[in-house]
Protein backbone atom coordinates (compact mmCIF):
# COMPACT_ATOMS: atom_id res chain seq x y z
CA UNK A 1 92.58 90.85 103.44
CA UNK A 2 96.06 91.08 101.91
CA UNK A 3 97.27 88.02 103.79
CA UNK A 4 95.19 84.87 103.99
CA UNK A 5 95.90 81.35 105.18
CA UNK A 6 96.47 78.81 102.42
CA UNK A 7 93.92 76.04 102.14
CA UNK A 8 96.40 73.52 100.73
CA UNK A 9 99.67 72.26 102.12
CA UNK A 10 102.83 73.73 100.65
CA UNK A 11 104.54 70.36 100.37
CA UNK A 12 101.61 69.08 98.34
CA UNK A 13 101.79 72.20 96.16
CA UNK A 14 105.44 71.79 95.26
CA UNK A 15 105.14 68.02 95.08
CA UNK A 16 102.57 68.31 92.34
CA UNK A 17 104.82 70.66 90.39
CA UNK A 18 107.69 68.19 90.57
CA UNK A 19 105.88 64.99 89.66
CA UNK A 20 105.77 63.50 86.17
CA UNK A 21 102.52 64.17 84.33
CA UNK A 22 101.19 62.92 81.00
CA UNK A 23 100.31 65.53 78.40
CA UNK A 24 99.14 65.16 74.85
CA UNK A 25 101.93 66.66 72.78
CA UNK A 26 103.34 66.10 69.30
CA UNK A 27 106.82 65.33 70.60
CA UNK A 28 106.57 63.70 74.00
CA UNK A 29 103.96 62.02 76.16
CA UNK A 30 105.73 62.37 79.49
CA UNK A 31 106.33 65.88 80.71
CA UNK A 32 107.73 67.22 83.96
CA UNK A 33 106.96 70.65 85.35
CA UNK A 34 109.82 73.02 86.04
CA UNK A 35 110.56 75.62 88.66
CA UNK A 36 113.44 77.94 89.35
CA UNK A 37 116.53 77.01 91.32
CA UNK A 38 116.36 78.04 94.97
CA UNK A 39 117.56 81.59 95.61
CA UNK A 40 119.24 81.55 99.00
CA UNK A 41 120.00 78.83 101.51
CA UNK A 42 118.17 75.55 101.06
CA UNK A 43 118.06 75.24 104.86
CA UNK A 44 116.28 78.59 105.35
CA UNK A 45 113.44 78.68 107.85
CA UNK A 46 110.95 80.28 105.43
CA UNK A 47 110.43 79.74 101.70
CA UNK A 48 108.74 82.30 99.46
CA UNK A 49 107.20 80.97 96.25
CA UNK A 50 106.49 83.76 93.78
CA UNK A 51 103.97 82.90 91.08
CA UNK A 52 104.40 85.42 88.29
CA UNK A 53 104.40 86.43 84.63
CA UNK A 54 107.39 88.17 83.05
CA UNK A 55 105.03 90.63 81.31
CA UNK A 56 103.06 91.41 84.47
CA UNK A 57 103.29 95.12 85.30
CA UNK A 58 102.65 94.55 89.01
CA UNK A 59 105.26 91.78 89.10
CA UNK A 60 107.77 94.32 87.85
CA UNK A 61 106.53 96.82 90.43
CA UNK A 62 107.29 94.28 93.18
CA UNK A 63 110.62 93.47 91.54
CA UNK A 64 111.59 97.15 91.45
CA UNK A 65 110.34 98.18 94.88
CA UNK A 66 110.28 95.22 97.29
CA UNK A 67 112.31 92.26 96.08
CA UNK A 68 115.77 93.63 96.81
CA UNK A 69 114.84 94.57 100.37
CA UNK A 70 113.63 91.02 100.98
CA UNK A 71 116.90 89.70 99.56
CA UNK A 72 119.07 92.09 101.57
CA UNK A 73 117.33 91.57 104.90
CA UNK A 74 116.18 87.95 104.79
CA UNK A 75 117.64 85.90 101.91
CA UNK A 76 121.25 87.05 102.27
CA UNK A 77 121.04 86.36 106.01
CA UNK A 78 119.97 82.76 105.38
CA UNK A 79 116.57 83.12 107.05
CA UNK A 80 114.50 82.96 103.85
CA UNK A 81 114.83 81.45 100.40
CA UNK A 82 112.78 81.96 97.26
CA UNK A 83 111.65 80.14 94.16
CA UNK A 84 109.69 81.36 91.12
CA UNK A 85 106.93 79.48 89.32
CA UNK A 86 105.58 80.68 85.99
CA UNK A 87 101.99 81.66 85.31
CA UNK A 88 102.47 83.12 81.80
CA UNK A 89 98.93 84.15 80.94
CA UNK A 90 99.20 87.78 79.77
CA UNK A 91 100.44 87.31 76.22
CA UNK A 92 102.27 85.14 73.73
CA UNK A 93 105.68 86.48 74.72
CA UNK A 94 105.07 85.60 78.38
CA UNK A 95 105.34 81.92 77.57
CA UNK A 96 108.42 82.41 75.40
CA UNK A 97 110.15 84.45 78.11
CA UNK A 98 109.49 81.69 80.64
CA UNK A 99 110.93 79.10 78.28
CA UNK A 100 114.02 81.27 77.81
CA UNK A 101 114.56 81.48 81.56
CA UNK A 102 114.82 77.70 81.77
CA UNK A 103 117.18 77.63 78.79
CA UNK A 104 119.36 79.97 80.84
CA UNK A 105 118.95 77.64 83.83
CA UNK A 106 120.47 74.87 81.72
CA UNK A 107 123.66 76.96 81.86
CA UNK A 108 123.22 77.85 85.57
CA UNK A 109 122.21 81.43 84.86
CA UNK A 110 118.52 81.28 85.76
CA UNK A 111 118.41 84.10 88.31
CA UNK A 112 120.66 86.38 86.26
CA UNK A 113 118.31 85.91 83.30
CA UNK A 114 115.24 86.35 85.52
CA UNK A 115 116.60 89.72 86.66
CA UNK A 116 117.36 90.78 83.10
CA UNK A 117 113.82 89.98 81.98
CA UNK A 118 112.25 92.19 84.62
CA UNK A 119 114.79 94.96 84.13
CA UNK A 120 113.91 95.11 80.42
CA UNK A 121 110.15 94.56 80.70
CA UNK A 122 108.01 96.81 78.49
CA UNK A 123 104.41 96.56 77.26
CA UNK A 124 102.68 93.22 76.82
CA UNK A 125 103.71 91.62 73.50
CA UNK A 126 105.37 94.87 72.43
CA UNK A 127 108.45 93.07 71.11
CA UNK A 128 110.66 93.46 74.18
CA UNK A 129 110.58 89.66 74.67
CA UNK A 130 110.85 88.64 71.04
CA UNK A 131 113.03 85.71 70.07
CA UNK A 132 115.83 88.08 69.02
CA UNK A 133 115.69 90.10 72.23
CA UNK A 134 115.66 86.98 74.38
CA UNK A 135 118.77 85.78 72.59
CA UNK A 136 120.41 89.17 73.05
CA UNK A 137 119.86 88.88 76.80
CA UNK A 138 121.57 85.48 76.73
CA UNK A 139 124.47 86.96 74.78
CA UNK A 140 124.83 89.75 77.36
CA UNK A 141 125.09 87.10 80.09
CA UNK A 142 127.82 85.32 78.10
CA UNK A 143 125.80 82.14 77.64
CA UNK A 144 126.74 79.54 75.04
CA UNK A 145 124.62 80.89 72.22
CA UNK A 146 124.45 77.67 70.23
CA UNK A 147 123.09 75.81 73.22
CA UNK A 148 120.71 78.59 74.22
CA UNK A 149 119.37 79.09 70.68
CA UNK A 150 118.81 75.37 70.21
CA UNK A 151 116.91 75.23 73.49
CA UNK A 152 114.74 78.24 72.70
CA UNK A 153 114.11 77.50 69.01
CA UNK A 154 113.19 73.87 69.72
CA UNK A 155 110.73 75.00 72.42
CA UNK A 156 112.37 72.56 74.80
CA UNK A 157 110.38 73.78 77.81
CA UNK A 158 107.10 74.65 76.07
CA UNK A 159 104.98 71.93 77.63
CA UNK A 160 106.56 72.16 81.05
CA UNK A 161 105.78 75.89 81.20
CA UNK A 162 102.24 75.23 79.94
CA UNK A 163 101.77 72.71 82.72
CA UNK A 164 102.98 75.26 85.29
CA UNK A 165 100.35 77.68 83.98
CA UNK A 166 97.60 75.07 84.01
CA UNK A 167 98.38 73.94 87.55
CA UNK A 168 98.66 77.49 88.89
CA UNK A 169 95.28 78.52 87.49
CA UNK A 170 93.25 75.32 87.56
CA UNK A 171 94.68 73.13 90.32
CA UNK A 172 95.62 75.82 92.81
CA UNK A 173 93.18 78.57 91.92
CA UNK A 174 95.68 81.41 91.61
CA UNK A 175 93.86 84.18 89.80
CA UNK A 176 96.40 86.98 89.50
CA UNK A 177 100.09 87.76 89.53
CA UNK A 178 102.11 88.24 91.52
CA UNK A 179 100.93 85.83 94.20
CA UNK A 180 103.32 84.77 96.94
CA UNK A 181 103.12 81.60 99.00
CA UNK A 182 105.13 81.60 102.24
CA UNK A 183 105.82 78.47 104.30
CA UNK A 184 108.04 77.77 107.27
CA UNK A 185 109.71 74.56 108.37
CA UNK A 186 106.88 73.86 110.82
CA UNK A 187 104.34 73.83 108.01
CA UNK A 188 102.72 77.17 108.78
CA UNK A 189 101.81 78.99 105.61
CA UNK A 190 100.40 82.26 104.38
CA UNK A 191 99.68 83.91 101.06
CA UNK A 192 100.29 87.47 99.90
CA UNK A 193 98.42 88.70 96.85
CA UNK A 194 99.70 91.52 94.70
CA UNK A 195 102.74 93.77 94.68
CA UNK A 196 102.61 94.56 98.37
CA UNK A 197 105.15 96.73 100.16
CA UNK A 198 108.20 95.50 102.01
CA UNK A 199 106.47 96.16 105.34
CA UNK A 200 103.80 93.56 104.47
CA UNK A 201 106.44 90.95 103.65
CA UNK A 202 108.41 91.83 106.77
CA UNK A 203 105.37 91.33 108.97
CA UNK A 204 104.44 87.99 107.41
CA UNK A 205 108.00 86.67 107.37
CA UNK A 206 108.56 87.61 111.01
CA UNK A 207 105.35 85.81 111.97
CA UNK A 208 106.69 82.62 110.33
CA UNK A 209 110.25 82.70 111.69
């Protein structure tokens, strides 16, 4: 089935992403996972959590063909909001692209950078998400380049992104991207696997409103 009930509670899912966790790292023992800012109203009745990889071809397919319809019909109306959690497993540049998105978030340009990454996606580790290209995206968005470069070059978010990946795959059993978790304010929840059509999202969202 495309849509299946989640076996874990959504609040527990996000809570574990937000809590402080100890990792063995050369620079810091205490690490905190990261997630995107909320896209849409924080008081929306339904939240969509997209778990994805910036080099995932099917993630881009969903981005190109379904995402904007969900935004136009549900997020802009205040009924639904969305967050993105990284599962950068497809290549070396996946992890770097995720780190760069949080460097952009430091300057309140997360979603603009997120969009730019998917708009410019090419083959896995083909160079489209190299350090230079990631900085060029930041320049295009008029970010403070000294701040962005320092963030990216220092790998400020390396361990947080790694922890997102580890939790997605090992703690929550997500096996592919994109995977979407949908939850309403009553605690009802469903999951959509893969780059499904707008009609699938419409049906699931309406069942949760």
